Amino acid sequence: MAATPPRPPRRPVVGSRNPTARPRRVAGLRDDAAPAPDEVSPAPDEASPVKAPSVEAPPTADEASPVEAPPAPDEASPVEPAASRGSGTLGSLRTTVVLVVVLVLLAAVAAGESWYLWLRPDPTVSASRPVVTGQLAYQAAVEAASSDTEEILSTSYQNYDDQVTQATSKMTDSFAKEYRQTVGDIRDKFVADKTVLTVKVAAAGVVRASSSQVQALLFLNQYVQKKGEKTTATPYRALVTVVHTEHGWLVSDLETQ
């Protein structure tokens, strides 16, 4: 009987020694989500020691580096943007130009007024132009003529001499001399009759006017009271001339009409 040849050795089946169960598929998890065998991190070597991380102790108060405090608000230097600086300079330049223009205009106005008041020759009063001054100027003169005339013409026997002295203070020297002579002639009769003469201005207007002389037309009411007689009233007019002096407006002439 022929000998049976020996059987070849059996090849081991892969996975027979280390059987590994096939992972189950979990619902909602894709197959590619599982890490590949090569991507699995190898287990740490048991022989290599694991070093603990070194933890440095916090520095002490002496070793800690000083921390500089932020500068105070007043110590910090403000940084002005370039655009802001430029606009501020332009605004200052415009303001300066405006001020210069205003000063030039004011100087021109002042020069014009000075020429009008002091250097301009006074216009001459004429028949065609009897008033050559402003309304405020001649109105003040007419008011002075009215009040002075009432005081000059109003007289009483009780203080006749004092009234004459007070009246002459409202006149020029030349007209005061004429007035004293007139009232001196009638003084004795005036006092003997115990006469009281009162004059009131009913209306007034300007006839001629310049910066130095004004002629006013006054409408007067005269009231005369004598001893044993009734008071009589008489209206009349007076043409009063006043001149401007260092003491104000003074009466230089008075003509009754």
Protein backbone atom coordinates (compact mmCIF):
# COMPACT_ATOMS: atom_id res chain seq x y z
CA MET A 1 0.00 0.00 0.00
CA ALA A 2 1.48 3.20 -1.10
CA ALA A 3 2.35 5.76 1.49
CA THR A 4 0.07 8.79 1.79
CA PRO A 5 1.88 12.04 1.11
CA PRO A 6 1.89 14.50 4.00
CA ARG A 7 -0.75 17.20 3.99
CA PRO A 8 0.35 20.72 3.57
CA PRO A 9 -0.02 22.84 6.66
CA ARG A 10 -3.26 24.75 6.92
CA ARG A 11 -3.08 28.48 6.40
CA PRO A 12 -4.35 30.35 9.27
CA VAL A 13 -7.57 32.20 8.73
CA VAL A 14 -7.27 35.93 9.15
CA GLY A 15 -8.92 37.05 12.29
CA SER A 16 -9.22 33.62 13.75
CA ARG A 17 -6.84 34.38 16.59
CA ASN A 18 -8.01 37.91 17.35
CA PRO A 19 -11.61 37.80 16.54
CA THR A 20 -13.07 41.27 16.33
CA ALA A 21 -16.76 41.82 16.27
CA ARG A 22 -17.97 43.95 13.46
CA PRO A 23 -19.28 47.25 14.76
CA ARG A 24 -22.95 47.70 14.57
CA ARG A 25 -24.46 50.43 12.50
CA VAL A 26 -26.09 53.10 14.61
CA ALA A 27 -29.05 54.94 13.16
CA GLY A 28 -28.10 58.42 11.99
CA LEU A 29 -24.35 57.73 12.02
CA ARG A 30 -22.57 57.39 8.71
CA ASP A 31 -20.01 54.70 8.12
CA ASP A 32 -17.39 57.25 7.27
CA ALA A 33 -17.84 58.87 10.71
CA ALA A 34 -15.99 56.04 12.36
CA PRO A 35 -12.24 56.67 12.52
CA ALA A 36 -10.06 54.71 10.20
CA PRO A 37 -7.74 52.12 11.76
CA ASP A 38 -4.74 54.29 10.86
CA GLU A 39 -6.27 57.38 12.51
CA VAL A 40 -6.73 55.71 15.88
CA SER A 41 -4.19 57.17 18.28
CA PRO A 42 -1.94 54.48 19.64
CA ALA A 43 -2.14 53.71 23.27
CA PRO A 44 0.49 55.35 25.36
CA ASP A 45 3.54 53.39 26.06
CA GLU A 46 3.27 51.97 29.48
CA ALA A 47 6.98 52.12 29.94
CA SER A 48 7.39 55.87 29.17
CA PRO A 49 6.78 58.01 32.23
CA VAL A 50 4.22 60.78 32.04
CA LYS A 51 5.62 64.18 33.10
CA ALA A 52 3.32 66.38 35.09
CA PRO A 53 3.09 69.97 33.81
CA SER A 54 5.25 72.32 35.78
CA VAL A 55 3.32 75.00 37.61
CA GLU A 56 5.29 78.13 38.42
CA ALA A 57 4.60 79.88 41.66
CA PRO A 58 3.11 83.40 41.33
CA PRO A 59 5.65 86.18 41.76
CA THR A 60 5.83 87.87 45.09
CA ALA A 61 4.99 91.49 45.68
CA ASP A 62 8.69 92.45 45.50
CA GLU A 63 9.26 90.58 42.23
CA ALA A 64 6.10 91.81 40.50
CA SER A 65 6.83 94.43 37.85
CA PRO A 66 5.29 97.83 38.63
CA VAL A 67 2.26 98.80 36.57
CA GLU A 68 2.23 102.44 35.46
CA ALA A 69 -1.02 104.28 36.17
CA PRO A 70 -2.74 105.98 33.22
CA PRO A 71 -2.03 109.70 32.95
CA ALA A 72 -4.43 112.10 34.62
CA PRO A 73 -6.92 113.94 32.37
CA ASP A 74 -5.12 117.25 32.79
CA GLU A 75 -1.71 115.67 32.10
CA ALA A 76 -2.78 113.99 28.90
CA SER A 77 -1.94 116.12 25.91
CA PRO A 78 -5.02 116.59 23.74
CA VAL A 79 -4.51 115.78 20.13
CA GLU A 80 -6.57 118.00 17.92
CA PRO A 81 -7.46 116.58 14.53
CA ALA A 82 -5.84 118.31 11.61
CA ALA A 83 -9.21 119.14 10.05
CA SER A 84 -10.40 120.75 13.28
CA ARG A 85 -7.26 122.87 13.56
CA GLY A 86 -7.64 124.00 9.99
CA SER A 87 -11.30 124.98 10.40
CA GLY A 88 -10.51 126.86 13.63
CA THR A 89 -7.76 128.88 11.94
CA LEU A 90 -10.05 129.69 9.02
CA GLY A 91 -12.84 130.77 11.40
CA SER A 92 -10.45 133.04 13.33
CA LEU A 93 -9.26 134.60 10.07
CA ARG A 94 -12.85 135.30 8.99
CA THR A 95 -13.66 136.83 12.38
CA THR A 96 -10.61 139.09 12.16
CA VAL A 97 -11.57 140.25 8.67
CA VAL A 98 -15.14 141.04 9.80
CA LEU A 99 -13.88 143.04 12.80
CA VAL A 100 -11.51 145.04 10.61
CA VAL A 101 -14.33 145.85 8.18
CA VAL A 102 -16.62 146.94 11.05
CA LEU A 103 -13.91 149.18 12.52
CA VAL A 104 -13.29 150.81 9.14
CA LEU A 105 -17.01 151.49 8.69
CA LEU A 106 -17.32 152.96 12.20
CA ALA A 107 -14.33 155.21 11.57
CA ALA A 108 -15.87 156.42 8.31
CA VAL A 109 -19.20 157.16 10.02
CA ALA A 110 -17.46 159.03 12.85
CA ALA A 111 -15.46 161.09 10.34
CA GLY A 112 -18.64 161.95 8.43
CA GLU A 113 -20.47 163.03 11.57
CA SER A 114 -17.51 165.14 12.70
CA TRP A 115 -17.42 166.90 9.35
CA TYR A 116 -21.19 167.44 9.45
CA LEU A 117 -21.18 168.83 12.99
CA TRP A 118 -17.94 170.82 13.10
CA LEU A 119 -16.38 171.35 9.68
CA ARG A 120 -19.45 171.84 7.52
CA PRO A 121 -20.27 175.54 7.08
CA ASP A 122 -23.56 176.62 8.65
CA PRO A 123 -26.29 177.26 6.09
CA THR A 124 -27.74 180.74 5.95
CA VAL A 125 -31.34 181.46 6.87
CA SER A 126 -33.27 182.97 3.97
CA ALA A 127 -36.86 183.65 2.94
CA SER A 128 -36.92 180.52 0.84
CA ARG A 129 -35.32 178.45 3.59
CA PRO A 130 -36.14 179.90 7.01
CA VAL A 131 -35.28 176.73 8.97
CA VAL A 132 -31.78 175.32 8.41
CA THR A 133 -31.37 173.20 11.53
CA GLY A 134 -32.75 169.91 12.75
CA GLN A 135 -36.11 169.52 14.43
CA LEU A 136 -34.63 168.52 17.79
CA ALA A 137 -32.46 171.66 17.88
CA TYR A 138 -35.13 174.23 17.06
CA GLN A 139 -37.78 172.45 19.13
CA ALA A 140 -35.58 172.80 22.22
CA ALA A 141 -35.17 176.50 21.41
CA VAL A 142 -38.93 177.03 21.01
CA GLU A 143 -39.58 175.34 24.36
CA ALA A 144 -36.99 177.58 26.01
CA ALA A 145 -38.58 180.67 24.45
CA SER A 146 -42.03 179.63 25.73
CA SER A 147 -41.01 179.01 29.33
CA ASP A 148 -38.80 182.11 29.50
CA THR A 149 -41.53 184.35 28.07
CA GLU A 150 -44.05 183.19 30.66
CA GLU A 151 -41.59 184.03 33.43
CA ILE A 152 -40.60 187.39 31.94
CA LEU A 153 -44.15 188.70 31.37
CA SER A 154 -45.74 187.32 34.52
CA THR A 155 -45.37 189.90 37.32
CA SER A 156 -46.87 190.55 40.77
CA TYR A 157 -46.81 193.62 42.99
CA GLN A 158 -45.90 191.37 45.95
CA ASN A 159 -42.41 190.47 44.65
CA TYR A 160 -41.93 192.87 41.78
CA ASP A 161 -38.18 193.47 42.21
CA ASP A 162 -37.35 189.80 42.74
CA GLN A 163 -39.32 188.86 39.64
CA VAL A 164 -37.40 191.42 37.55
CA THR A 165 -34.10 189.96 38.73
CA GLN A 166 -35.23 186.42 37.94
CA ALA A 167 -36.49 187.46 34.48
CA THR A 168 -33.25 189.15 33.46
CA SER A 169 -31.34 185.90 34.11
CA LYS A 170 -33.18 184.46 31.09
CA MET A 171 -32.02 187.25 28.75
CA THR A 172 -28.92 188.45 27.00
CA ASP A 173 -27.15 191.42 28.55
CA SER A 174 -28.33 193.88 25.93
CA PHE A 175 -31.97 192.83 26.15
CA ALA A 176 -31.83 192.72 29.96
CA LYS A 177 -30.79 196.38 29.98
CA GLU A 178 -33.81 197.38 27.86
CA TYR A 179 -36.15 195.30 30.03
CA ARG A 180 -35.00 196.87 33.30
CA GLN A 181 -35.63 200.33 31.91
CA THR A 182 -39.17 199.46 30.80
CA VAL A 183 -40.30 197.77 34.03
CA GLY A 184 -38.69 200.53 36.08
CA ASP A 185 -40.98 203.12 34.48
CA ILE A 186 -44.21 201.30 35.44
CA ARG A 187 -43.12 199.92 38.81
CA ASP A 188 -44.80 202.51 41.09
CA LYS A 189 -48.22 202.35 39.41
CA PHE A 190 -48.03 198.55 39.18
CA VAL A 191 -47.43 198.23 42.91
CA ALA A 192 -50.00 200.92 43.83
CA ASP A 193 -52.77 199.16 41.91
CA LYS A 194 -51.75 195.82 43.45
CA THR A 195 -51.61 194.34 40.00
CA VAL A 196 -51.04 190.64 39.37
CA LEU A 197 -50.13 189.81 35.77
CA THR A 198 -50.10 186.19 34.62
CA VAL A 199 -49.16 185.03 31.09
CA LYS A 200 -49.63 181.51 29.68
CA VAL A 201 -48.48 180.15 26.30
CA ALA A 202 -51.37 178.58 24.38
CA ALA A 203 -49.39 177.54 21.30
CA ALA A 204 -45.94 177.98 19.78
CA GLY A 205 -44.24 177.54 16.43
CA VAL A 206 -40.91 178.18 14.72
CA VAL A 207 -40.49 181.09 12.28
CA ARG A 208 -36.76 181.04 11.59
CA ALA A 209 -34.14 178.69 12.91
CA SER A 210 -30.42 178.08 12.64
CA SER A 211 -27.95 176.36 14.91
CA SER A 212 -27.26 179.64 16.77
CA GLN A 213 -30.53 181.57 16.65
CA VAL A 214 -34.23 180.69 16.62
CA GLN A 215 -37.26 182.93 16.26
CA ALA A 216 -40.51 181.57 17.69
CA LEU A 217 -44.10 182.77 17.36
CA LEU A 218 -46.02 182.40 20.63
CA PHE A 219 -49.77 182.62 21.15
CA LEU A 220 -50.35 184.00 24.65
CA ASN A 221 -53.22 184.43 27.08
CA GLN A 222 -52.80 187.29 29.54
CA TYR A 223 -54.73 187.46 32.83
CA VAL A 224 -54.73 190.80 34.72
CA GLN A 225 -56.07 191.22 38.23
CA LYS A 226 -56.15 194.61 40.00
CA LYS A 227 -57.37 195.79 43.40
CA GLY A 228 -61.17 196.16 43.38
CA GLU A 229 -61.55 195.00 39.74
CA LYS A 230 -62.43 191.73 38.06
CA THR A 231 -59.83 189.63 36.31
CA THR A 232 -59.58 190.29 32.60
CA ALA A 233 -58.23 187.92 29.96
CA THR A 234 -56.59 189.07 26.76
CA PRO A 235 -55.11 186.88 24.00
CA TYR A 236 -52.24 188.19 21.94
CA ARG A 237 -49.09 187.07 20.16
CA ALA A 238 -45.39 187.59 20.70
CA LEU A 239 -42.40 187.15 18.42
CA VAL A 240 -39.54 185.92 20.62
CA THR A 241 -35.93 185.50 19.51
CA VAL A 242 -33.53 183.27 21.43
CA VAL A 243 -29.79 182.76 20.84
CA HIS A 244 -27.63 179.82 21.83
CA THR A 245 -24.93 180.61 24.39
CA GLU A 246 -22.74 178.72 26.81
CA HIS A 247 -25.56 179.12 29.35
CA GLY A 248 -28.18 177.68 27.01
CA TRP A 249 -30.86 179.48 25.03
CA LEU A 250 -31.36 183.12 26.13
CA VAL A 251 -33.99 185.63 25.02
CA SER A 252 -32.47 188.38 22.89
CA ASP A 253 -35.68 190.09 21.74
CA LEU A 254 -39.43 190.07 22.47
CA GLU A 255 -42.05 191.89 20.38
CA THR A 256 -45.75 191.73 21.26
CA GLN A 257 -48.38 191.80 18.49
